[in-house]
Amino acid sequence: LGYDLPAKFVIHTVGPIWQGGHRGEEELLRSAYRNSLLLAREKHCESVAFPMISAGVYGYPKDQALEVAVSTIRTFLENHEMDVFLVIFDRGSFRFDTDLYSDISGYLRQMYAEEPRSAPLLGDVAKTAAFEGSASAGNRRSLFFRSKSTAKANCESAAREVLDEEAAAPDDLVEALRNLDESFSQALLRMIDSKGMKDSECYKKANIDRKLFSKIRSDINYRPSKQTVLAFAVALELDLPETEAFLRKAGFALSHSNKADVIVEYFIRNRNYDMYRINEALFAFDQNLLGA
């Protein structure tokens, strides 16, 4: 293994030296990625990892180097099956769109600011509950002064009601289990069909590999991660209510106390379903990425 890397192959490529951007550097950089990807495919590699070529001592501007890498890899994956990782060694060197970063930061502040507004409502609910509890306690105290025969009759009646309810519960439960809502897997496949998409088109757009999609497709009770559900919501271009309903199929919900959820919500509200831009934003805010 070359350089003790846990890999079957080490592909050597030469990136361009930055000379101002007017000497064909962009096409040379794209060619370095393209040729490496084609060689990996020729060697039947299922996955390949790239550093940001030319973004170090060769002086290629990091933001432009990232854009070239992402767009070239993206184009390749439209027609080929492979897991491609872009490795960024220095998070501090990563430059995200400053205007978009500012917009998302503002949206995060807005969502977090709205959270405490529910506190007074919770307080009112608690007061109401306490008031009702006091009233109930008063009712209970008045019941203690009834005759023994009345109390006994009521106790026997209550006991019969409890037993009747317990006897009925199993049938109710069986009936409920017979009428379960569609599962996440069923909902996903239905929506892929309703959108007129091919399976491969959907899972590629969701940044999901074929093996994981096959597991989901073959297991009606498959339990996905929240990131996987959101990735498919983006791929299917669901609006916010549809996304929330889709999340419930897997037992999840969007939370304004979760930074990643708020960021994804920002993109969905703005109908921006570019998975790469969403993942760039999540990376910029130090959050887990969607999909693979």
C-alpha atoms as a PDB file:
ATOM      1  CA  LEU A   1       0.000   0.000   0.000  1.00  0.00           C
ATOM      2  CA  GLY A   2       1.486   3.303  -1.080  1.00  0.00           C
ATOM      3  CA  TYR A   3       2.457   5.559   1.815  1.00  0.00           C
ATOM      4  CA  ASP A   4       0.696   3.089   4.165  1.00  0.00           C
ATOM      5  CA  LEU A   5      -2.682   4.332   2.943  1.00  0.00           C
ATOM      6  CA  PRO A   6      -5.562   1.862   3.422  1.00  0.00           C
ATOM      7  CA  ALA A   7      -6.285   1.850  -0.315  1.00  0.00           C
ATOM      8  CA  LYS A   8      -5.816  -0.599  -3.181  1.00  0.00           C
ATOM      9  CA  PHE A   9      -4.496   2.076  -5.513  1.00  0.00           C
ATOM     10  CA  VAL A  10      -2.802   5.454  -5.281  1.00  0.00           C
ATOM     11  CA  ILE A  11      -3.478   7.611  -8.339  1.00  0.00           C
ATOM     12  CA  HIS A  12      -0.866  10.237  -9.126  1.00  0.00           C
ATOM     13  CA  THR A  13      -1.977  13.329 -11.017  1.00  0.00           C
ATOM     14  CA  VAL A  14      -0.425  16.712 -11.736  1.00  0.00           C
ATOM     15  CA  GLY A  15      -2.453  19.828 -11.004  1.00  0.00           C
ATOM     16  CA  PRO A  16      -1.806  23.197 -12.631  1.00  0.00           C
ATOM     17  CA  ILE A  17       0.207  25.989 -11.027  1.00  0.00           C
ATOM     18  CA  TRP A  18      -1.908  29.110 -10.604  1.00  0.00           C
ATOM     19  CA  GLN A  19      -0.737  31.870 -12.940  1.00  0.00           C
ATOM     20  CA  GLY A  20      -3.553  34.347 -12.638  1.00  0.00           C
ATOM     21  CA  GLY A  21      -6.300  32.213 -14.151  1.00  0.00           C
ATOM     22  CA  HIS A  22      -5.776  33.180 -17.782  1.00  0.00           C
ATOM     23  CA  ARG A  23      -3.572  30.301 -18.902  1.00  0.00           C
ATOM     24  CA  GLY A  24      -6.066  27.459 -18.956  1.00  0.00           C
ATOM     25  CA  GLU A  25      -5.644  26.549 -15.289  1.00  0.00           C
ATOM     26  CA  GLU A  26      -9.333  25.731 -14.810  1.00  0.00           C
ATOM     27  CA  GLU A  27      -9.510  23.237 -17.681  1.00  0.00           C
ATOM     28  CA  LEU A  28      -6.209  21.671 -16.613  1.00  0.00           C
ATOM     29  CA  LEU A  29      -7.576  21.223 -13.091  1.00  0.00           C
ATOM     30  CA  ARG A  30     -10.823  19.729 -14.385  1.00  0.00           C
ATOM     31  CA  SER A  31      -8.787  17.368 -16.539  1.00  0.00           C
ATOM     32  CA  ALA A  32      -6.774  16.231 -13.502  1.00  0.00           C
ATOM     33  CA  TYR A  33      -9.981  15.226 -11.704  1.00  0.00           C
ATOM     34  CA  ARG A  34     -11.641  13.735 -14.798  1.00  0.00           C
ATOM     35  CA  ASN A  35      -8.672  11.578 -15.752  1.00  0.00           C
ATOM     36  CA  SER A  36      -8.242  10.364 -12.180  1.00  0.00           C
ATOM     37  CA  LEU A  37     -11.917   9.428 -11.958  1.00  0.00           C
ATOM     38  CA  LEU A  38     -11.799   7.587 -15.270  1.00  0.00           C
ATOM     39  CA  LEU A  39      -8.695   5.690 -14.158  1.00  0.00           C
ATOM     40  CA  ALA A  40     -10.411   4.751 -10.882  1.00  0.00           C
ATOM     41  CA  ARG A  41     -13.377   3.470 -12.889  1.00  0.00           C
ATOM     42  CA  GLU A  42     -11.041   1.518 -15.175  1.00  0.00           C
ATOM     43  CA  LYS A  43      -9.553  -0.146 -12.073  1.00  0.00           C
ATOM     44  CA  HIS A  44     -13.086  -1.010 -10.865  1.00  0.00           C
ATOM     45  CA  CYS A  45     -12.776   1.162  -7.763  1.00  0.00           C
ATOM     46  CA  GLU A  46     -15.998   1.564  -5.813  1.00  0.00           C
ATOM     47  CA  SER A  47     -14.745   4.682  -4.051  1.00  0.00           C
ATOM     48  CA  VAL A  48     -12.051   7.302  -4.406  1.00  0.00           C
ATOM     49  CA  ALA A  49     -10.888  10.172  -2.182  1.00  0.00           C
ATOM     50  CA  PHE A  50      -9.365  13.412  -3.465  1.00  0.00           C
ATOM     51  CA  PRO A  51      -7.506  16.206  -1.743  1.00  0.00           C
ATOM     52  CA  MET A  52      -8.149  19.667  -3.175  1.00  0.00           C
ATOM     53  CA  ILE A  53      -5.736  19.462  -6.100  1.00  0.00           C
ATOM     54  CA  SER A  54      -3.537  22.552  -6.688  1.00  0.00           C
ATOM     55  CA  ALA A  55      -5.035  24.409  -3.702  1.00  0.00           C
ATOM     56  CA  GLY A  56      -1.829  24.134  -1.661  1.00  0.00           C
ATOM     57  CA  VAL A  57       1.650  25.177  -2.752  1.00  0.00           C
ATOM     58  CA  TYR A  58       0.497  25.532  -6.376  1.00  0.00           C
ATOM     59  CA  GLY A  59      -1.488  28.581  -5.287  1.00  0.00           C
ATOM     60  CA  TYR A  60      -4.874  27.865  -6.883  1.00  0.00           C
ATOM     61  CA  PRO A  61      -7.458  30.011  -5.002  1.00  0.00           C
ATOM     62  CA  LYS A  62      -9.202  27.662  -2.592  1.00  0.00           C
ATOM     63  CA  ASP A  63     -12.755  28.791  -3.331  1.00  0.00           C
ATOM     64  CA  GLN A  64     -12.223  28.355  -7.076  1.00  0.00           C
ATOM     65  CA  ALA A  65     -10.423  25.034  -6.579  1.00  0.00           C
ATOM     66  CA  LEU A  66     -13.390  23.781  -4.550  1.00  0.00           C
ATOM     67  CA  GLU A  67     -15.904  24.874  -7.189  1.00  0.00           C
ATOM     68  CA  VAL A  68     -13.932  23.121  -9.950  1.00  0.00           C
ATOM     69  CA  ALA A  69     -13.599  19.941  -7.881  1.00  0.00           C
ATOM     70  CA  VAL A  70     -17.273  19.781  -6.912  1.00  0.00           C
ATOM     71  CA  SER A  71     -18.647  20.556 -10.374  1.00  0.00           C
ATOM     72  CA  THR A  72     -16.295  18.106 -12.134  1.00  0.00           C
ATOM     73  CA  ILE A  73     -17.034  15.286  -9.687  1.00  0.00           C
ATOM     74  CA  ARG A  74     -20.737  16.064  -9.882  1.00  0.00           C
ATOM     75  CA  THR A  75     -20.755  15.804 -13.675  1.00  0.00           C
ATOM     76  CA  PHE A  76     -18.904  12.480 -13.509  1.00  0.00           C
ATOM     77  CA  LEU A  77     -21.384  11.022 -11.010  1.00  0.00           C
ATOM     78  CA  GLU A  78     -24.333  11.816 -13.260  1.00  0.00           C
ATOM     79  CA  ASN A  79     -23.280   8.905 -15.456  1.00  0.00           C
ATOM     80  CA  HIS A  80     -21.228   6.657 -13.162  1.00  0.00           C
ATOM     81  CA  GLU A  81     -21.690   4.766  -9.887  1.00  0.00           C
ATOM     82  CA  MET A  82     -18.924   5.556  -7.411  1.00  0.00           C
ATOM     83  CA  ASP A  83     -18.472   6.997  -3.928  1.00  0.00           C
ATOM     84  CA  VAL A  84     -16.297  10.097  -4.276  1.00  0.00           C
ATOM     85  CA  PHE A  85     -14.921  11.907  -1.235  1.00  0.00           C
ATOM     86  CA  LEU A  86     -13.399  15.375  -1.339  1.00  0.00           C
ATOM     87  CA  VAL A  87     -11.053  15.724   1.627  1.00  0.00           C
ATOM     88  CA  ILE A  88     -10.469  19.197   3.061  1.00  0.00           C
ATOM     89  CA  PHE A  89      -7.607  19.058   5.533  1.00  0.00           C
ATOM     90  CA  ASP A  90      -7.866  22.619   6.834  1.00  0.00           C
ATOM     91  CA  ARG A  91     -11.395  23.746   7.700  1.00  0.00           C
ATOM     92  CA  GLY A  92     -10.101  27.289   8.170  1.00  0.00           C
ATOM     93  CA  SER A  93      -9.137  27.450   4.503  1.00  0.00           C
ATOM     94  CA  PHE A  94     -12.673  26.628   3.397  1.00  0.00           C
ATOM     95  CA  ARG A  95     -14.414  29.712   2.040  1.00  0.00           C
ATOM     96  CA  PHE A  96     -18.179  29.761   1.823  1.00  0.00           C
ATOM     97  CA  ASP A  97     -20.307  32.321  -0.039  1.00  0.00           C
ATOM     98  CA  THR A  98     -20.251  35.286   2.374  1.00  0.00           C
ATOM     99  CA  ASP A  99     -23.679  36.632   1.346  1.00  0.00           C
ATOM    100  CA  LEU A 100     -25.316  33.224   1.737  1.00  0.00           C
ATOM    101  CA  TYR A 101     -23.485  32.659   5.024  1.00  0.00           C
ATOM    102  CA  SER A 102     -24.839  35.979   6.285  1.00  0.00           C
ATOM    103  CA  ASP A 103     -28.395  35.113   5.192  1.00  0.00           C
ATOM    104  CA  ILE A 104     -28.267  31.708   6.885  1.00  0.00           C
ATOM    105  CA  SER A 105     -26.766  33.219  10.044  1.00  0.00           C
ATOM    106  CA  GLY A 106     -29.631  35.716  10.142  1.00  0.00           C
ATOM    107  CA  TYR A 107     -32.170  32.936   9.659  1.00  0.00           C
ATOM    108  CA  LEU A 108     -30.575  30.939  12.487  1.00  0.00           C
ATOM    109  CA  ARG A 109     -30.750  33.949  14.809  1.00  0.00           C
ATOM    110  CA  GLN A 110     -34.384  34.515  13.876  1.00  0.00           C
ATOM    111  CA  MET A 111     -35.354  30.900  14.549  1.00  0.00           C
ATOM    112  CA  TYR A 112     -33.499  30.795  17.862  1.00  0.00           C
ATOM    113  CA  ALA A 113     -35.041  34.132  18.892  1.00  0.00           C
ATOM    114  CA  GLU A 114     -38.530  32.753  18.290  1.00  0.00           C
ATOM    115  CA  GLU A 115     -37.981  29.741  20.559  1.00  0.00           C
ATOM    116  CA  PRO A 116     -38.393  31.580  23.918  1.00  0.00           C
ATOM    117  CA  ARG A 117     -41.706  33.057  22.758  1.00  0.00           C
ATOM    118  CA  SER A 118     -43.364  29.734  23.532  1.00  0.00           C
ATOM    119  CA  ALA A 119     -42.271  29.957  27.186  1.00  0.00           C
ATOM    120  CA  PRO A 120     -45.154  32.215  28.382  1.00  0.00           C
ATOM    121  CA  LEU A 121     -47.608  29.892  26.652  1.00  0.00           C
ATOM    122  CA  LEU A 122     -46.138  26.946  28.502  1.00  0.00           C
ATOM    123  CA  GLY A 123     -46.431  28.935  31.712  1.00  0.00           C
ATOM    124  CA  ASP A 124     -50.115  29.614  31.034  1.00  0.00           C
ATOM    125  CA  VAL A 125     -50.698  25.944  30.316  1.00  0.00           C
ATOM    126  CA  ALA A 126     -48.988  25.020  33.571  1.00  0.00           C
ATOM    127  CA  LYS A 127     -51.159  27.506  35.488  1.00  0.00           C
ATOM    128  CA  THR A 128     -54.297  26.132  33.847  1.00  0.00           C
ATOM    129  CA  ALA A 129     -53.258  22.585  34.662  1.00  0.00           C
ATOM    130  CA  ALA A 130     -52.561  23.568  38.267  1.00  0.00           C
ATOM    131  CA  PHE A 131     -55.952  25.280  38.487  1.00  0.00           C
ATOM    132  CA  GLU A 132     -57.757  22.254  37.062  1.00  0.00           C
ATOM    133  CA  GLY A 133     -55.782  20.027  39.392  1.00  0.00           C
ATOM    134  CA  SER A 134     -56.972  22.075  42.379  1.00  0.00           C
ATOM    135  CA  ALA A 135     -60.555  21.820  41.207  1.00  0.00           C
ATOM    136  CA  SER A 136     -60.204  18.074  40.811  1.00  0.00           C
ATOM    137  CA  ALA A 137     -58.747  17.835  44.285  1.00  0.00           C
ATOM    138  CA  GLY A 138     -61.772  19.702  45.625  1.00  0.00           C
ATOM    139  CA  ASN A 139     -64.076  17.265  43.866  1.00  0.00           C
ATOM    140  CA  ARG A 140     -62.169  14.346  45.331  1.00  0.00           C
ATOM    141  CA  ARG A 141     -62.488  15.780  48.832  1.00  0.00           C
ATOM    142  CA  SER A 142     -66.264  16.135  48.441  1.00  0.00           C
ATOM    143  CA  LEU A 143     -66.541  12.509  47.369  1.00  0.00           C
ATOM    144  CA  PHE A 144     -65.113  11.299  50.651  1.00  0.00           C
ATOM    145  CA  PHE A 145     -68.208  12.473  52.494  1.00  0.00           C
ATOM    146  CA  ARG A 146     -70.638  10.238  50.622  1.00  0.00           C
ATOM    147  CA  SER A 147     -72.243   7.227  52.239  1.00  0.00           C
ATOM    148  CA  LYS A 148     -70.309   3.955  52.352  1.00  0.00           C
ATOM    149  CA  SER A 149     -72.907   2.180  50.198  1.00  0.00           C
ATOM    150  CA  THR A 150     -72.654   4.833  47.468  1.00  0.00           C
ATOM    151  CA  ALA A 151     -68.874   4.708  47.572  1.00  0.00           C
ATOM    152  CA  LYS A 152     -68.901   0.905  47.365  1.00  0.00           C
ATOM    153  CA  ALA A 153     -71.293   0.910  44.404  1.00  0.00           C
ATOM    154  CA  ASN A 154     -69.183   3.473  42.584  1.00  0.00           C
ATOM    155  CA  CYS A 155     -66.009   1.498  43.269  1.00  0.00           C
ATOM    156  CA  GLU A 156     -67.561  -1.697  41.892  1.00  0.00           C
ATOM    157  CA  SER A 157     -68.817   0.180  38.837  1.00  0.00           C
ATOM    158  CA  ALA A 158     -65.400   1.758  38.244  1.00  0.00           C
ATOM    159  CA  ALA A 159     -63.706  -1.621  38.619  1.00  0.00           C
ATOM    160  CA  ARG A 160     -66.020  -3.157  36.013  1.00  0.00           C
ATOM    161  CA  GLU A 161     -65.283  -0.275  33.604  1.00  0.00           C
ATOM    162  CA  VAL A 162     -61.536  -0.749  34.022  1.00  0.00           C
ATOM    163  CA  LEU A 163     -61.825  -4.496  33.425  1.00  0.00           C
ATOM    164  CA  ASP A 164     -64.014  -3.914  30.361  1.00  0.00           C
ATOM    165  CA  GLU A 165     -61.477  -1.417  28.951  1.00  0.00           C
ATOM    166  CA  GLU A 166     -58.574  -3.783  29.584  1.00  0.00           C
ATOM    167  CA  ALA A 167     -60.420  -6.635  27.891  1.00  0.00           C
ATOM    168  CA  ALA A 168     -61.125  -4.418  24.875  1.00  0.00           C
ATOM    169  CA  ALA A 169     -57.577  -3.048  24.609  1.00  0.00           C
ATOM    170  CA  PRO A 170     -56.015  -6.030  22.813  1.00  0.00           C
ATOM    171  CA  ASP A 171     -58.654  -5.902  20.047  1.00  0.00           C
ATOM    172  CA  ASP A 172     -58.155  -2.153  19.670  1.00  0.00           C
ATOM    173  CA  LEU A 173     -54.408  -2.646  19.478  1.00  0.00           C
ATOM    174  CA  VAL A 174     -54.718  -5.385  16.869  1.00  0.00           C
ATOM    175  CA  GLU A 175     -57.013  -3.169  14.828  1.00  0.00           C
ATOM    176  CA  ALA A 176     -54.566  -0.266  15.100  1.00  0.00           C
ATOM    177  CA  LEU A 177     -51.685  -2.466  13.997  1.00  0.00           C
ATOM    178  CA  ARG A 178     -53.705  -3.616  10.994  1.00  0.00           C
ATOM    179  CA  ASN A 179     -54.147  -0.009   9.931  1.00  0.00           C
ATOM    180  CA  LEU A 180     -50.611   1.333  10.181  1.00  0.00           C
ATOM    181  CA  ASP A 181     -49.701   4.269   7.961  1.00  0.00           C
ATOM    182  CA  GLU A 182     -47.345   3.611   5.078  1.00  0.00           C
ATOM    183  CA  SER A 183     -43.725   3.209   6.120  1.00  0.00           C
ATOM    184  CA  PHE A 184     -40.828   5.473   5.177  1.00  0.00           C
ATOM    185  CA  SER A 185     -39.764   3.000   2.481  1.00  0.00           C
ATOM    186  CA  GLN A 186     -43.263   2.838   0.979  1.00  0.00           C
ATOM    187  CA  ALA A 187     -43.636   6.617   1.076  1.00  0.00           C
ATOM    188  CA  LEU A 188     -40.258   7.135  -0.597  1.00  0.00           C
ATOM    189  CA  LEU A 189     -40.972   4.735  -3.464  1.00  0.00           C
ATOM    190  CA  ARG A 190     -44.450   6.202  -3.958  1.00  0.00           C
ATOM    191  CA  MET A 191     -43.091   9.751  -4.179  1.00  0.00           C
ATOM    192  CA  ILE A 192     -40.306   8.748  -6.576  1.00  0.00           C
ATOM    193  CA  ASP A 193     -42.990   7.361  -8.893  1.00  0.00           C
ATOM    194  CA  SER A 194     -45.283  10.368  -8.441  1.00  0.00           C
ATOM    195  CA  LYS A 195     -42.412  12.726  -9.330  1.00  0.00           C
ATOM    196  CA  GLY A 196     -41.690  10.715 -12.470  1.00  0.00           C
ATOM    197  CA  MET A 197     -38.116  10.051 -11.352  1.00  0.00           C
ATOM    198  CA  LYS A 198     -35.948   7.008 -11.872  1.00  0.00           C
ATOM    199  CA  ASP A 199     -34.613   5.340  -8.732  1.00  0.00           C
ATOM    200  CA  SER A 200     -31.027   6.088  -9.754  1.00  0.00           C
ATOM    201  CA  GLU A 201     -31.876   9.725 -10.453  1.00  0.00           C
ATOM    202  CA  CYS A 202     -33.341  10.110  -6.978  1.00  0.00           C
ATOM    203  CA  TYR A 203     -30.627   8.434  -4.916  1.00  0.00           C
ATOM    204  CA  LYS A 204     -27.845  10.172  -6.831  1.00  0.00           C
ATOM    205  CA  LYS A 205     -29.520  13.527  -6.320  1.00  0.00           C
ATOM    206  CA  ALA A 206     -29.871  12.647  -2.620  1.00  0.00           C
ATOM    207  CA  ASN A 207     -26.147  11.894  -2.364  1.00  0.00           C
ATOM    208  CA  ILE A 208     -27.026   8.305  -1.351  1.00  0.00           C
ATOM    209  CA  ASP A 209     -25.144   5.274  -2.628  1.00  0.00           C
ATOM    210  CA  ARG A 210     -26.860   2.449  -4.497  1.00  0.00           C
ATOM    211  CA  LYS A 211     -26.271  -0.134  -1.744  1.00  0.00           C
ATOM    212  CA  LEU A 212     -28.090   1.924   0.859  1.00  0.00           C
ATOM    213  CA  PHE A 213     -30.959   2.622  -1.520  1.00  0.00           C
ATOM    214  CA  SER A 214     -31.253  -1.114  -2.242  1.00  0.00           C
ATOM    215  CA  LYS A 215     -31.569  -1.793   1.496  1.00  0.00           C
ATOM    216  CA  ILE A 216     -34.311   0.803   1.792  1.00  0.00           C
ATOM    217  CA  ARG A 217     -36.151  -0.554  -1.234  1.00  0.00           C
ATOM    218  CA  SER A 218     -36.017  -4.183  -0.089  1.00  0.00           C
ATOM    219  CA  ASP A 219     -37.008  -3.580   3.550  1.00  0.00           C
ATOM    220  CA  ILE A 220     -40.465  -2.132   4.115  1.00  0.00           C
ATOM    221  CA  ASN A 221     -39.567  -1.455   7.760  1.00  0.00           C
ATOM    222  CA  TYR A 222     -36.162   0.130   7.098  1.00  0.00           C
ATOM    223  CA  ARG A 223     -35.271   2.723   9.758  1.00  0.00           C
ATOM    224  CA  PRO A 224     -33.259   5.554   8.161  1.00  0.00           C
ATOM    225  CA  SER A 225     -31.217   8.243   9.850  1.00  0.00           C
ATOM    226  CA  LYS A 226     -32.633  11.752   9.943  1.00  0.00           C
ATOM    227  CA  GLN A 227     -29.940  12.919   7.502  1.00  0.00           C
ATOM    228  CA  THR A 228     -31.030  10.240   5.024  1.00  0.00           C
ATOM    229  CA  VAL A 229     -34.685  11.307   5.219  1.00  0.00           C
ATOM    230  CA  LEU A 230     -33.761  14.958   4.695  1.00  0.00           C
ATOM    231  CA  ALA A 231     -31.484  14.018   1.798  1.00  0.00           C
ATOM    232  CA  PHE A 232     -34.380  12.323   0.012  1.00  0.00           C
ATOM    233  CA  ALA A 233     -36.693  15.238   0.851  1.00  0.00           C
ATOM    234  CA  VAL A 234     -34.225  17.528  -0.926  1.00  0.00           C
ATOM    235  CA  ALA A 235     -33.862  15.136  -3.873  1.00  0.00           C
ATOM    236  CA  LEU A 236     -37.653  14.949  -4.232  1.00  0.00           C
ATOM    237  CA  GLU A 237     -37.871  18.758  -3.898  1.00  0.00           C
ATOM    238  CA  LEU A 238     -40.538  18.560  -1.199  1.00  0.00           C
ATOM    239  CA  ASP A 239     -41.888  21.760   0.299  1.00  0.00           C
ATOM    240  CA  LEU A 240     -41.735  22.314   4.063  1.00  0.00           C
ATOM    241  CA  PRO A 241     -45.094  20.697   5.023  1.00  0.00           C
ATOM    242  CA  GLU A 242     -44.290  17.711   2.778  1.00  0.00           C
ATOM    243  CA  THR A 243     -40.832  17.433   4.340  1.00  0.00           C
ATOM    244  CA  GLU A 244     -42.288  17.467   7.848  1.00  0.00           C
ATOM    245  CA  ALA A 245     -44.821  14.770   6.907  1.00  0.00           C
ATOM    246  CA  PHE A 246     -42.055  12.705   5.298  1.00  0.00           C
ATOM    247  CA  LEU A 247     -39.921  12.976   8.440  1.00  0.00           C
ATOM    248  CA  ARG A 248     -42.827  11.710  10.545  1.00  0.00           C
ATOM    249  CA  LYS A 249     -42.878   8.529   8.461  1.00  0.00           C
ATOM    250  CA  ALA A 250     -39.499   7.721  10.018  1.00  0.00           C
ATOM    251  CA  GLY A 251     -40.317   9.064  13.475  1.00  0.00           C
ATOM    252  CA  PHE A 252     -38.473  12.388  13.151  1.00  0.00           C
ATOM    253  CA  ALA A 253     -39.350  16.082  13.177  1.00  0.00           C
ATOM    254  CA  LEU A 254     -37.600  19.330  12.332  1.00  0.00           C
ATOM    255  CA  SER A 255     -36.364  21.153  15.417  1.00  0.00           C
ATOM    256  CA  HIS A 256     -35.462  24.830  15.698  1.00  0.00           C
ATOM    257  CA  SER A 257     -33.055  23.888  18.482  1.00  0.00           C
ATOM    258  CA  ASN A 258     -31.040  21.886  15.936  1.00  0.00           C
ATOM    259  CA  LYS A 259     -28.761  24.041  13.778  1.00  0.00           C
ATOM    260  CA  ALA A 260     -28.592  21.502  10.926  1.00  0.00           C
ATOM    261  CA  ASP A 261     -32.397  21.298  10.783  1.00  0.00           C
ATOM    262  CA  VAL A 262     -32.709  25.081  10.586  1.00  0.00           C
ATOM    263  CA  ILE A 263     -30.122  25.273   7.794  1.00  0.00           C
ATOM    264  CA  VAL A 264     -31.919  22.619   5.732  1.00  0.00           C
ATOM    265  CA  GLU A 265     -35.233  24.359   6.434  1.00  0.00           C
ATOM    266  CA  TYR A 266     -33.727  27.628   5.140  1.00  0.00           C
ATOM    267  CA  PHE A 267     -32.896  26.013   1.795  1.00  0.00           C
ATOM    268  CA  ILE A 268     -36.274  24.279   1.509  1.00  0.00           C
ATOM    269  CA  ARG A 269     -38.166  27.515   2.263  1.00  0.00           C
ATOM    270  CA  ASN A 270     -36.157  29.198  -0.491  1.00  0.00           C
ATOM    271  CA  ARG A 271     -36.759  26.242  -2.825  1.00  0.00           C
ATOM    272  CA  ASN A 272     -33.028  25.747  -3.272  1.00  0.00           C
ATOM    273  CA  TYR A 273     -32.600  21.992  -3.654  1.00  0.00           C
ATOM    274  CA  ASP A 274     -28.951  21.970  -4.680  1.00  0.00           C
ATOM    275  CA  MET A 275     -27.552  19.214  -2.455  1.00  0.00           C
ATOM    276  CA  TYR A 276     -23.989  20.392  -2.927  1.00  0.00           C
ATOM    277  CA  ARG A 277     -24.818  23.928  -1.822  1.00  0.00           C
ATOM    278  CA  ILE A 278     -26.738  22.602   1.175  1.00  0.00           C
ATOM    279  CA  ASN A 279     -23.827  20.400   2.199  1.00  0.00           C
ATOM    280  CA  GLU A 280     -21.397  23.282   1.708  1.00  0.00           C
ATOM    281  CA  ALA A 281     -23.536  25.326   4.101  1.00  0.00           C
ATOM    282  CA  LEU A 282     -23.713  22.487   6.634  1.00  0.00           C
ATOM    283  CA  PHE A 283     -19.935  22.084   6.409  1.00  0.00           C
ATOM    284  CA  ALA A 284     -19.419  25.827   6.867  1.00  0.00           C
ATOM    285  CA  PHE A 285     -21.493  25.691  10.073  1.00  0.00           C
ATOM    286  CA  ASP A 286     -19.727  22.521  11.273  1.00  0.00           C
ATOM    287  CA  GLN A 287     -22.771  20.249  10.909  1.00  0.00           C
ATOM    288  CA  ASN A 288     -23.175  16.696   9.618  1.00  0.00           C
ATOM    289  CA  LEU A 289     -23.746  16.509   5.863  1.00  0.00           C
ATOM    290  CA  LEU A 290     -26.805  15.054   4.162  1.00  0.00           C
ATOM    291  CA  GLY A 291     -26.690  11.762   2.314  1.00  0.00           C
ATOM    292  CA  ALA A 292     -23.537   9.693   2.214  1.00  0.00           C
END
